[in-house]
Structures are given as C-alpha cells and as structure tokens.
Amino acid sequence: IPTLSRLVYAANVHSSGEVDTQGLAKQRSCPSTAALLRLALLISPAEAHGRVTAARQILPREVHSGGDLPPVLPALAVDAGAVGSEHVRTITATMRKLPAAIPVPERDMWETFLVDKAAVLDPRQLEILAKAVQDAADPDGTLDQSEPKSRMEFSFGTRNPRTGLTGISGSLDDHGVDVVRTAIDALAAPQP
C-alpha cells in the first residue's frame, strides 16, 4: 500500500507538471498553477503548492531556446514509488539550503545520497540525515558567503483560538536577539 500511495503521488506530480508546463492556469485566468489545482481538485493550498514545487524539481524543464533542462532532483525514485511527498520536500529543502559555493559534483553526490537513503528511511529519519548532510557539506560554515543578517527570519504564527497562544519562530543574529530581549525585558518589567 505505501508503494501504491507513492505511485499515485508520482502520477499527481506528473499531471501537475503537465498543467504547469502547458500554462493552463493562465489560460483559465488563475494566478498560478497551484491555484488552478486547488480549485479543480479541491485540495489544500499546501498540497497544490507541494505538487507544483515537486514537479518543477523532478521533471525535465523546457527552455525557451529549445530543448530541455535536466530535472533538479532525480525522478526515478519518485516514479518507482520508492519516495513520497515528504521525502521530496526534505530533499528539495536540503539542497536549497546547501551553500552555492559547494562544487556541482559534490552537490550531485549529496543529492544522490539523500535520494538513495529516502528509499529506505521514513520521512523523519530522512530529516535527521538531511541536517547531518548540511553539517557535513559545510562543517565549518565557511562556504556560506552570505551575511548572517541576510539569513535572519522572525515570524508570528497563527493564534490558536482554543488556547489563546500564538507561535513564534525564527533565527536571529546577535543584534536581533539583543533587540528582542530589550523589548521583552522592557514590557515584562514591573510597572509603577
């Protein structure tokens, strides 16, 4: 059953890729392929976006000058039903996070490694391995040439009406941490 589920996923990715390649969303006045899939198939925005993203990663891409660019990720494992949507999402995110300075042969080696391991690991185990790959690919962090402040992110989640709590997540540099701490300390101090 898991293999059959993954084969259905592969078919969904291929059909989504075809819709994207043919530009059917534009023909039907939809803002994006994901929006068209969401409306036509009654799937969640996240599912629609995931299918389109996966299709763009694992299917050959046409270029305007003619011919095809090879897929970003190997499609064979998806087409064989060896990996599913969570595996593809993890591999795609990991490859995107690797510093651009990593040589192409090494990137290809890490990608192949992750795809091979995805066929024998569950999605959670693959996430753990993917973090180890990021550390192994750039153990001392010297290949990432971007400034830490350009990688900062801080976001508020959606308020949970049942608990009244709102999630917060992000990554800050030292200055960002100081700013947030100062603001919180000022608000948390006793008021006269």
N, C-alpha and C. Protein backbone atom coordinates (compact mmCIF):
# COMPACT_ATOMS: atom_id res chain seq x y z
N ILE A 1 0.81 -1.19 0.00
CA ILE A 1 0.00 0.00 0.00
C ILE A 1 0.86 1.27 0.00
N PRO A 2 1.97 1.32 0.80
CA PRO A 2 2.79 2.54 0.75
C PRO A 2 3.35 2.81 -0.66
N THR A 3 3.77 1.76 -1.35
CA THR A 3 4.31 1.95 -2.70
C THR A 3 3.22 2.45 -3.63
N LEU A 4 2.02 1.90 -3.52
CA LEU A 4 0.91 2.34 -4.35
C LEU A 4 0.59 3.82 -4.07
N SER A 5 0.61 4.20 -2.81
CA SER A 5 0.38 5.60 -2.45
C SER A 5 1.43 6.51 -3.09
N ARG A 6 2.66 6.08 -3.08
CA ARG A 6 3.74 6.88 -3.67
C ARG A 6 3.63 6.93 -5.19
N LEU A 7 3.14 5.84 -5.80
CA LEU A 7 2.93 5.85 -7.25
C LEU A 7 1.82 6.82 -7.63
N VAL A 8 0.79 6.88 -6.80
CA VAL A 8 -0.28 7.86 -7.04
C VAL A 8 0.30 9.27 -6.90
N TYR A 9 1.15 9.47 -5.90
CA TYR A 9 1.81 10.76 -5.74
C TYR A 9 2.61 11.10 -7.00
N ALA A 10 3.36 10.14 -7.53
CA ALA A 10 4.15 10.37 -8.75
C ALA A 10 3.24 10.78 -9.91
N ALA A 11 2.11 10.10 -10.05
CA ALA A 11 1.16 10.46 -11.11
C ALA A 11 0.62 11.87 -10.90
N ASN A 12 0.32 12.22 -9.65
CA ASN A 12 -0.16 13.58 -9.35
C ASN A 12 0.90 14.63 -9.69
N VAL A 13 2.15 14.33 -9.39
CA VAL A 13 3.23 15.27 -9.69
C VAL A 13 3.38 15.43 -11.21
N HIS A 14 3.33 14.33 -11.93
CA HIS A 14 3.46 14.40 -13.39
C HIS A 14 2.30 15.19 -14.00
N SER A 15 1.09 14.93 -13.54
CA SER A 15 -0.05 15.66 -14.11
C SER A 15 0.02 17.14 -13.74
N SER A 16 0.46 17.44 -12.52
CA SER A 16 0.62 18.84 -12.11
C SER A 16 1.70 19.52 -12.94
N GLY A 17 2.77 18.79 -13.22
CA GLY A 17 3.83 19.32 -14.06
C GLY A 17 3.35 19.61 -15.46
N GLU A 18 2.49 18.75 -15.99
CA GLU A 18 1.94 18.97 -17.33
C GLU A 18 1.03 20.21 -17.34
N VAL A 19 0.21 20.35 -16.33
CA VAL A 19 -0.65 21.54 -16.22
C VAL A 19 0.22 22.80 -16.16
N ASP A 20 1.32 22.73 -15.40
CA ASP A 20 2.22 23.86 -15.26
C ASP A 20 2.92 24.17 -16.58
N THR A 21 3.45 23.14 -17.23
CA THR A 21 4.18 23.32 -18.49
C THR A 21 3.28 23.88 -19.60
N GLN A 22 2.05 23.43 -19.65
CA GLN A 22 1.12 23.88 -20.69
C GLN A 22 0.56 25.28 -20.43
N GLY A 23 0.81 25.82 -19.24
CA GLY A 23 0.31 27.15 -18.91
C GLY A 23 -1.20 27.22 -18.79
N LEU A 24 -1.81 26.13 -18.33
CA LEU A 24 -3.27 26.07 -18.25
C LEU A 24 -3.84 27.06 -17.23
N ALA A 25 -3.08 27.38 -16.19
CA ALA A 25 -3.58 28.33 -15.19
C ALA A 25 -3.82 29.69 -15.83
N LYS A 26 -2.88 30.13 -16.63
CA LYS A 26 -3.02 31.43 -17.29
C LYS A 26 -4.20 31.42 -18.26
N GLN A 27 -4.35 30.31 -18.98
CA GLN A 27 -5.46 30.19 -19.94
C GLN A 27 -6.82 30.25 -19.23
N ARG A 28 -6.84 29.83 -17.97
CA ARG A 28 -8.10 29.79 -17.21
C ARG A 28 -8.18 30.93 -16.19
N SER A 29 -7.37 31.95 -16.40
CA SER A 29 -7.37 33.16 -15.56
C SER A 29 -7.12 32.88 -14.08
N CYS A 30 -6.28 31.91 -13.80
CA CYS A 30 -5.89 31.63 -12.42
C CYS A 30 -4.51 32.25 -12.19
N PRO A 31 -4.26 32.74 -10.99
CA PRO A 31 -2.98 33.40 -10.74
C PRO A 31 -1.76 32.46 -10.77
N SER A 32 -1.99 31.17 -10.55
CA SER A 32 -0.88 30.23 -10.54
C SER A 32 -1.39 28.82 -10.81
N THR A 33 -0.45 27.94 -11.12
CA THR A 33 -0.82 26.53 -11.32
C THR A 33 -1.36 25.94 -10.02
N ALA A 34 -0.75 26.30 -8.89
CA ALA A 34 -1.23 25.79 -7.60
C ALA A 34 -2.68 26.22 -7.35
N ALA A 35 -3.01 27.45 -7.71
CA ALA A 35 -4.38 27.93 -7.52
C ALA A 35 -5.35 27.14 -8.40
N LEU A 36 -4.97 26.87 -9.63
CA LEU A 36 -5.82 26.08 -10.53
C LEU A 36 -6.02 24.67 -9.98
N LEU A 37 -4.94 24.03 -9.53
CA LEU A 37 -5.05 22.68 -8.96
C LEU A 37 -5.96 22.68 -7.73
N ARG A 38 -5.79 23.69 -6.90
CA ARG A 38 -6.60 23.78 -5.68
C ARG A 38 -8.09 23.86 -6.02
N LEU A 39 -8.41 24.69 -7.01
CA LEU A 39 -9.82 24.86 -7.38
C LEU A 39 -10.37 23.64 -8.12
N ALA A 40 -9.59 23.08 -9.02
CA ALA A 40 -10.07 21.97 -9.84
C ALA A 40 -10.14 20.66 -9.06
N LEU A 41 -9.18 20.45 -8.17
CA LEU A 41 -9.10 19.16 -7.47
C LEU A 41 -9.60 19.20 -6.03
N LEU A 42 -9.96 20.41 -5.57
CA LEU A 42 -10.43 20.59 -4.20
C LEU A 42 -9.41 20.08 -3.18
N ILE A 43 -8.16 20.51 -3.38
CA ILE A 43 -7.09 20.14 -2.46
C ILE A 43 -6.64 21.41 -1.74
N SER A 44 -5.89 21.23 -0.67
CA SER A 44 -5.44 22.37 0.12
C SER A 44 -4.39 23.17 -0.66
N PRO A 45 -4.25 24.44 -0.31
CA PRO A 45 -3.20 25.24 -0.95
C PRO A 45 -1.81 24.62 -0.75
N ALA A 46 -1.56 24.08 0.44
CA ALA A 46 -0.26 23.47 0.70
C ALA A 46 -0.02 22.25 -0.20
N GLU A 47 -1.05 21.42 -0.37
CA GLU A 47 -0.92 20.24 -1.23
C GLU A 47 -0.69 20.67 -2.68
N ALA A 48 -1.44 21.65 -3.14
CA ALA A 48 -1.30 22.12 -4.52
C ALA A 48 0.10 22.70 -4.75
N HIS A 49 0.54 23.54 -3.82
CA HIS A 49 1.87 24.13 -3.94
C HIS A 49 2.95 23.04 -3.91
N GLY A 50 2.78 22.05 -3.03
CA GLY A 50 3.74 20.95 -2.94
C GLY A 50 3.85 20.17 -4.23
N ARG A 51 2.73 19.93 -4.88
CA ARG A 51 2.75 19.19 -6.15
C ARG A 51 3.48 19.97 -7.23
N VAL A 52 3.20 21.26 -7.32
CA VAL A 52 3.84 22.09 -8.35
C VAL A 52 5.33 22.20 -8.08
N THR A 53 5.70 22.42 -6.82
CA THR A 53 7.12 22.51 -6.47
C THR A 53 7.84 21.21 -6.79
N ALA A 54 7.23 20.08 -6.44
CA ALA A 54 7.84 18.79 -6.73
C ALA A 54 7.99 18.58 -8.23
N ALA A 55 6.96 18.94 -8.99
CA ALA A 55 7.03 18.78 -10.45
C ALA A 55 8.17 19.59 -11.03
N ARG A 56 8.35 20.80 -10.53
CA ARG A 56 9.43 21.66 -11.04
C ARG A 56 10.80 21.13 -10.66
N GLN A 57 10.87 20.30 -9.62
CA GLN A 57 12.15 19.74 -9.18
C GLN A 57 12.49 18.42 -9.86
N ILE A 58 11.49 17.59 -10.14
CA ILE A 58 11.81 16.24 -10.60
C ILE A 58 11.51 15.98 -12.06
N LEU A 59 10.88 16.93 -12.75
CA LEU A 59 10.58 16.74 -14.16
C LEU A 59 11.49 17.61 -15.01
N PRO A 60 11.84 17.15 -16.22
CA PRO A 60 12.65 18.00 -17.11
C PRO A 60 11.91 19.30 -17.39
N ARG A 61 12.66 20.37 -17.54
CA ARG A 61 12.06 21.68 -17.77
C ARG A 61 12.40 22.17 -19.17
N GLU A 62 11.39 22.68 -19.86
CA GLU A 62 11.61 23.22 -21.19
C GLU A 62 12.23 24.60 -21.07
N VAL A 63 13.12 24.92 -22.01
CA VAL A 63 13.69 26.26 -22.06
C VAL A 63 13.24 26.93 -23.35
N HIS A 64 13.16 28.24 -23.33
CA HIS A 64 12.63 28.98 -24.48
C HIS A 64 13.50 28.82 -25.72
N SER A 65 14.79 28.57 -25.52
CA SER A 65 15.68 28.43 -26.67
C SER A 65 15.59 27.04 -27.30
N GLY A 66 14.75 26.19 -26.76
CA GLY A 66 14.58 24.83 -27.28
C GLY A 66 15.28 23.82 -26.41
N GLY A 67 14.78 22.61 -26.41
CA GLY A 67 15.36 21.54 -25.62
C GLY A 67 14.83 21.54 -24.19
N ASP A 68 15.42 20.67 -23.39
CA ASP A 68 15.00 20.52 -22.00
C ASP A 68 16.20 20.64 -21.08
N LEU A 69 15.98 21.20 -19.91
CA LEU A 69 16.97 21.15 -18.84
C LEU A 69 16.70 19.89 -18.05
N PRO A 70 17.74 19.25 -17.55
CA PRO A 70 17.50 18.04 -16.76
C PRO A 70 16.79 18.39 -15.45
N PRO A 71 16.12 17.41 -14.85
CA PRO A 71 15.44 17.69 -13.57
C PRO A 71 16.45 18.10 -12.50
N VAL A 72 15.97 18.89 -11.55
CA VAL A 72 16.82 19.29 -10.44
C VAL A 72 17.07 18.09 -9.53
N LEU A 73 16.05 17.29 -9.29
CA LEU A 73 16.17 16.07 -8.49
C LEU A 73 15.87 14.86 -9.36
N PRO A 74 16.53 13.74 -9.10
CA PRO A 74 16.25 12.54 -9.89
C PRO A 74 14.80 12.07 -9.73
N ALA A 75 14.13 11.87 -10.84
CA ALA A 75 12.72 11.47 -10.82
C ALA A 75 12.54 9.96 -10.71
N LEU A 76 13.58 9.20 -10.96
CA LEU A 76 13.43 7.75 -10.97
C LEU A 76 12.89 7.20 -9.66
N ALA A 77 13.38 7.71 -8.55
CA ALA A 77 12.92 7.20 -7.24
C ALA A 77 11.45 7.53 -7.01
N VAL A 78 11.02 8.71 -7.46
CA VAL A 78 9.61 9.09 -7.32
C VAL A 78 8.75 8.22 -8.23
N ASP A 79 9.17 8.09 -9.49
CA ASP A 79 8.40 7.31 -10.45
C ASP A 79 8.31 5.83 -10.07
N ALA A 80 9.30 5.33 -9.36
CA ALA A 80 9.29 3.93 -8.93
C ALA A 80 8.48 3.72 -7.66
N GLY A 81 8.03 4.81 -7.06
CA GLY A 81 7.28 4.70 -5.82
C GLY A 81 8.15 4.46 -4.61
N ALA A 82 9.46 4.73 -4.75
CA ALA A 82 10.38 4.50 -3.64
C ALA A 82 10.37 5.64 -2.63
N VAL A 83 10.02 6.86 -3.08
CA VAL A 83 9.96 8.01 -2.17
C VAL A 83 8.64 8.74 -2.37
N GLY A 84 8.22 9.42 -1.32
CA GLY A 84 6.95 10.12 -1.38
C GLY A 84 7.12 11.62 -1.22
N SER A 85 6.01 12.28 -1.00
CA SER A 85 6.00 13.75 -0.97
C SER A 85 6.86 14.32 0.15
N GLU A 86 6.82 13.72 1.32
CA GLU A 86 7.63 14.25 2.43
C GLU A 86 9.11 14.09 2.15
N HIS A 87 9.48 12.98 1.52
CA HIS A 87 10.88 12.77 1.15
C HIS A 87 11.33 13.84 0.16
N VAL A 88 10.51 14.07 -0.86
CA VAL A 88 10.86 15.06 -1.89
C VAL A 88 10.98 16.45 -1.26
N ARG A 89 10.06 16.78 -0.39
CA ARG A 89 10.09 18.09 0.28
C ARG A 89 11.39 18.26 1.08
N THR A 90 11.78 17.22 1.81
CA THR A 90 13.00 17.28 2.62
C THR A 90 14.24 17.41 1.74
N ILE A 91 14.31 16.60 0.69
CA ILE A 91 15.48 16.65 -0.21
C ILE A 91 15.57 18.01 -0.89
N THR A 92 14.45 18.51 -1.38
CA THR A 92 14.42 19.80 -2.05
C THR A 92 14.87 20.91 -1.11
N ALA A 93 14.34 20.92 0.10
CA ALA A 93 14.71 21.95 1.07
C ALA A 93 16.18 21.87 1.44
N THR A 94 16.69 20.65 1.59
CA THR A 94 18.09 20.47 1.96
C THR A 94 19.01 20.97 0.86
N MET A 95 18.71 20.61 -0.38
CA MET A 95 19.55 21.03 -1.49
C MET A 95 19.52 22.56 -1.64
N ARG A 96 18.38 23.16 -1.37
CA ARG A 96 18.25 24.62 -1.45
C ARG A 96 19.10 25.29 -0.36
N LYS A 97 19.23 24.64 0.79
CA LYS A 97 19.97 25.24 1.92
C LYS A 97 21.48 25.08 1.79
N LEU A 98 21.93 24.17 0.94
CA LEU A 98 23.38 24.00 0.80
C LEU A 98 23.98 25.26 0.18
N PRO A 99 25.13 25.71 0.67
CA PRO A 99 25.74 26.91 0.11
C PRO A 99 26.04 26.76 -1.39
N ALA A 100 25.86 27.86 -2.11
CA ALA A 100 26.09 27.85 -3.56
C ALA A 100 27.55 27.56 -3.91
N ALA A 101 28.46 27.80 -2.97
CA ALA A 101 29.89 27.60 -3.23
C ALA A 101 30.29 26.12 -3.28
N ILE A 102 29.39 25.23 -2.89
CA ILE A 102 29.71 23.80 -2.95
C ILE A 102 29.79 23.40 -4.43
N PRO A 103 30.88 22.74 -4.83
CA PRO A 103 31.03 22.36 -6.25
C PRO A 103 29.89 21.44 -6.71
N VAL A 104 29.54 21.57 -7.99
CA VAL A 104 28.43 20.81 -8.56
C VAL A 104 28.59 19.30 -8.35
N PRO A 105 29.77 18.71 -8.59
CA PRO A 105 29.88 17.26 -8.36
C PRO A 105 29.57 16.86 -6.91
N GLU A 106 29.97 17.70 -5.97
CA GLU A 106 29.70 17.39 -4.57
C GLU A 106 28.21 17.54 -4.27
N ARG A 107 27.57 18.57 -4.84
CA ARG A 107 26.12 18.75 -4.66
C ARG A 107 25.38 17.53 -5.22
N ASP A 108 25.80 17.08 -6.41
CA ASP A 108 25.19 15.91 -7.03
C ASP A 108 25.36 14.67 -6.15
N MET A 109 26.54 14.55 -5.55
CA MET A 109 26.81 13.41 -4.68
C MET A 109 25.87 13.43 -3.47
N TRP A 110 25.69 14.61 -2.85
CA TRP A 110 24.80 14.72 -1.69
C TRP A 110 23.36 14.45 -2.08
N GLU A 111 22.97 14.95 -3.24
CA GLU A 111 21.60 14.74 -3.71
C GLU A 111 21.33 13.25 -3.93
N THR A 112 22.26 12.58 -4.62
CA THR A 112 22.11 11.15 -4.87
C THR A 112 22.07 10.37 -3.56
N PHE A 113 22.92 10.76 -2.62
CA PHE A 113 22.95 10.13 -1.31
C PHE A 113 21.59 10.24 -0.62
N LEU A 114 21.01 11.45 -0.61
CA LEU A 114 19.72 11.66 0.03
C LEU A 114 18.61 10.88 -0.66
N VAL A 115 18.61 10.87 -1.98
CA VAL A 115 17.59 10.13 -2.72
C VAL A 115 17.70 8.63 -2.42
N ASP A 116 18.91 8.11 -2.41
CA ASP A 116 19.11 6.68 -2.11
C ASP A 116 18.64 6.36 -0.69
N LYS A 117 18.96 7.22 0.26
CA LYS A 117 18.56 6.97 1.65
C LYS A 117 17.05 7.16 1.84
N ALA A 118 16.44 8.05 1.06
CA ALA A 118 15.00 8.26 1.17
C ALA A 118 14.21 7.00 0.87
N ALA A 119 14.78 6.14 0.03
CA ALA A 119 14.10 4.90 -0.32
C ALA A 119 14.05 3.91 0.83
N VAL A 120 14.90 4.10 1.85
CA VAL A 120 14.94 3.15 2.96
C VAL A 120 14.67 3.78 4.33
N LEU A 121 14.45 5.10 4.36
CA LEU A 121 14.20 5.78 5.62
C LEU A 121 12.80 6.40 5.62
N ASP A 122 12.22 6.51 6.80
CA ASP A 122 10.95 7.22 6.87
C ASP A 122 11.24 8.72 6.81
N PRO A 123 10.24 9.54 6.57
CA PRO A 123 10.49 10.98 6.41
C PRO A 123 11.20 11.63 7.60
N ARG A 124 10.86 11.25 8.81
CA ARG A 124 11.52 11.85 9.99
C ARG A 124 12.99 11.47 10.03
N GLN A 125 13.31 10.22 9.76
CA GLN A 125 14.71 9.79 9.74
C GLN A 125 15.48 10.53 8.65
N LEU A 126 14.83 10.75 7.51
CA LEU A 126 15.48 11.47 6.41
C LEU A 126 15.75 12.92 6.81
N GLU A 127 14.84 13.55 7.55
CA GLU A 127 15.07 14.92 8.02
C GLU A 127 16.32 14.99 8.90
N ILE A 128 16.47 14.01 9.78
CA ILE A 128 17.64 13.97 10.66
C ILE A 128 18.91 13.80 9.84
N LEU A 129 18.86 12.90 8.87
CA LEU A 129 20.01 12.68 8.00
C LEU A 129 20.30 13.93 7.17
N ALA A 130 19.27 14.61 6.70
CA ALA A 130 19.44 15.82 5.88
C ALA A 130 20.17 16.91 6.67
N LYS A 131 19.87 17.04 7.96
CA LYS A 131 20.58 18.02 8.79
C LYS A 131 22.04 17.63 8.92
N ALA A 132 22.31 16.34 9.03
CA ALA A 132 23.69 15.88 9.10
C ALA A 132 24.42 16.14 7.78
N VAL A 133 23.72 16.01 6.66
CA VAL A 133 24.31 16.30 5.35
C VAL A 133 24.69 17.78 5.27
N GLN A 134 23.81 18.66 5.74
CA GLN A 134 24.13 20.10 5.73
C GLN A 134 25.40 20.37 6.54
N ASP A 135 25.51 19.73 7.68
CA ASP A 135 26.70 19.92 8.52
C ASP A 135 27.94 19.33 7.85
N ALA A 136 27.80 18.17 7.23
CA ALA A 136 28.96 17.53 6.59
C ALA A 136 29.39 18.28 5.33
N ALA A 137 28.44 18.85 4.60
CA ALA A 137 28.77 19.55 3.36
C ALA A 137 29.53 20.85 3.63
N ASP A 138 29.29 21.47 4.75
CA ASP A 138 29.96 22.72 5.12
C ASP A 138 30.20 22.72 6.62
N PRO A 139 31.14 21.86 7.08
CA PRO A 139 31.29 21.65 8.52
C PRO A 139 31.68 22.89 9.32
N ASP A 140 32.46 23.77 8.74
CA ASP A 140 32.89 24.95 9.50
C ASP A 140 32.13 26.22 9.10
N GLY A 141 31.18 26.07 8.18
CA GLY A 141 30.35 27.21 7.79
C GLY A 141 31.04 28.24 6.93
N THR A 142 32.20 27.92 6.39
CA THR A 142 32.94 28.91 5.60
C THR A 142 32.47 29.02 4.16
N LEU A 143 31.70 28.05 3.67
CA LEU A 143 31.25 28.11 2.28
C LEU A 143 30.06 29.04 2.09
N ASP A 144 29.34 29.30 3.15
CA ASP A 144 28.19 30.20 3.06
C ASP A 144 28.69 31.63 3.15
N GLN A 145 28.67 32.32 2.02
CA GLN A 145 29.23 33.66 1.93
C GLN A 145 28.24 34.75 2.33
N SER A 146 26.99 34.41 2.54
CA SER A 146 26.00 35.44 2.86
C SER A 146 26.18 35.93 4.29
N GLU A 147 25.83 37.16 4.50
CA GLU A 147 25.90 37.77 5.83
C GLU A 147 24.85 37.12 6.73
N PRO A 148 25.16 36.91 8.01
CA PRO A 148 24.17 36.33 8.92
C PRO A 148 22.86 37.11 8.93
N LYS A 149 22.93 38.46 8.86
CA LYS A 149 21.70 39.23 8.92
C LYS A 149 20.81 39.00 7.70
N SER A 150 21.40 38.55 6.58
CA SER A 150 20.56 38.27 5.40
C SER A 150 19.82 36.94 5.55
N ARG A 151 20.22 36.13 6.52
CA ARG A 151 19.55 34.84 6.76
C ARG A 151 18.58 34.91 7.93
N MET A 152 18.44 36.10 8.53
CA MET A 152 17.54 36.24 9.67
C MET A 152 16.10 36.12 9.23
N GLU A 153 15.31 35.54 10.08
CA GLU A 153 13.87 35.47 9.86
C GLU A 153 13.20 35.41 11.21
N PHE A 154 12.07 36.03 11.31
CA PHE A 154 11.32 36.05 12.55
C PHE A 154 9.86 36.17 12.17
N SER A 155 9.05 35.24 12.64
CA SER A 155 7.65 35.30 12.25
C SER A 155 6.74 34.87 13.39
N PHE A 156 5.55 35.45 13.35
CA PHE A 156 4.50 35.07 14.27
C PHE A 156 3.59 34.09 13.55
N GLY A 157 3.21 33.04 14.23
CA GLY A 157 2.29 32.07 13.66
C GLY A 157 0.86 32.55 13.79
N THR A 158 -0.04 31.64 13.59
CA THR A 158 -1.46 31.94 13.71
C THR A 158 -1.91 31.71 15.16
N ARG A 159 -2.71 32.60 15.66
CA ARG A 159 -3.21 32.47 17.02
C ARG A 159 -4.14 31.28 17.11
N ASN A 160 -3.93 30.46 18.12
CA ASN A 160 -4.79 29.32 18.38
C ASN A 160 -5.95 29.81 19.25
N PRO A 161 -7.16 29.88 18.70
CA PRO A 161 -8.28 30.43 19.47
C PRO A 161 -8.64 29.58 20.70
N ARG A 162 -8.36 28.30 20.64
CA ARG A 162 -8.67 27.42 21.76
C ARG A 162 -7.78 27.71 22.96
N THR A 163 -6.47 27.93 22.71
CA THR A 163 -5.54 28.16 23.81
C THR A 163 -5.21 29.62 24.02
N GLY A 164 -5.46 30.44 22.98
CA GLY A 164 -5.11 31.85 23.07
C GLY A 164 -3.63 32.10 22.85
N LEU A 165 -2.90 31.09 22.42
CA LEU A 165 -1.45 31.22 22.22
C LEU A 165 -1.12 31.41 20.74
N THR A 166 -0.04 32.13 20.48
CA THR A 166 0.46 32.35 19.12
C THR A 166 1.90 31.88 19.07
N GLY A 167 2.22 31.04 18.09
CA GLY A 167 3.58 30.53 17.94
C GLY A 167 4.50 31.60 17.37
N ILE A 168 5.76 31.52 17.76
CA ILE A 168 6.80 32.41 17.25
C ILE A 168 7.95 31.53 16.80
N SER A 169 8.53 31.85 15.65
CA SER A 169 9.69 31.07 15.20
C SER A 169 10.64 31.99 14.45
N GLY A 170 11.87 31.54 14.31
CA GLY A 170 12.82 32.32 13.54
C GLY A 170 14.24 32.08 13.95
N SER A 171 15.12 32.78 13.27
CA SER A 171 16.55 32.74 13.54
C SER A 171 17.06 34.17 13.50
N LEU A 172 17.75 34.60 14.55
CA LEU A 172 18.23 35.97 14.63
C LEU A 172 19.73 35.99 14.84
N ASP A 173 20.39 37.05 14.36
CA ASP A 173 21.80 37.24 14.68
C ASP A 173 21.88 37.84 16.08
N ASP A 174 23.09 38.08 16.56
CA ASP A 174 23.27 38.58 17.93
C ASP A 174 22.55 39.91 18.15
N HIS A 175 22.63 40.80 17.20
CA HIS A 175 21.97 42.10 17.33
C HIS A 175 20.45 41.92 17.41
N GLY A 176 19.90 41.06 16.57
CA GLY A 176 18.46 40.80 16.58
C GLY A 176 18.00 40.24 17.92
N VAL A 177 18.80 39.34 18.50
CA VAL A 177 18.47 38.77 19.81
C VAL A 177 18.47 39.87 20.86
N ASP A 178 19.48 40.76 20.81
CA ASP A 178 19.54 41.86 21.77
C ASP A 178 18.33 42.77 21.67
N VAL A 179 17.89 43.07 20.44
CA VAL A 179 16.73 43.93 20.24
C VAL A 179 15.48 43.29 20.83
N VAL A 180 15.27 42.01 20.54
CA VAL A 180 14.08 41.31 21.05
C VAL A 180 14.13 41.21 22.57
N ARG A 181 15.29 40.87 23.13
CA ARG A 181 15.41 40.77 24.59
C ARG A 181 15.13 42.12 25.26
N THR A 182 15.66 43.18 24.69
CA THR A 182 15.44 44.51 25.25
C THR A 182 13.96 44.86 25.25
N ALA A 183 13.29 44.57 24.15
CA ALA A 183 11.86 44.87 24.05
C ALA A 183 11.06 44.04 25.05
N ILE A 184 11.36 42.76 25.15
CA ILE A 184 10.63 41.89 26.08
C ILE A 184 10.90 42.28 27.53
N ASP A 185 12.17 42.56 27.84
CA ASP A 185 12.52 42.95 29.20
C ASP A 185 11.79 44.24 29.60
N ALA A 186 11.71 45.19 28.66
CA ALA A 186 11.02 46.45 28.95
C ALA A 186 9.52 46.21 29.21
N LEU A 187 8.93 45.33 28.44
CA LEU A 187 7.50 45.06 28.60
C LEU A 187 7.22 44.19 29.83
N ALA A 188 8.19 43.36 30.22
CA ALA A 188 7.99 42.44 31.34
C ALA A 188 8.35 43.08 32.68
N ALA A 189 9.01 44.24 32.65
CA ALA A 189 9.41 44.88 33.91
C ALA A 189 8.16 45.35 34.67
N PRO A 190 8.24 45.32 36.01
CA PRO A 190 7.10 45.80 36.80
C PRO A 190 6.77 47.25 36.49
N GLN A 191 5.53 47.55 36.37
CA GLN A 191 5.07 48.91 36.07
C GLN A 191 4.71 49.62 37.38
N PRO A 192 5.16 50.88 37.54
CA PRO A 192 4.84 51.59 38.79
C PRO A 192 3.38 51.97 38.86
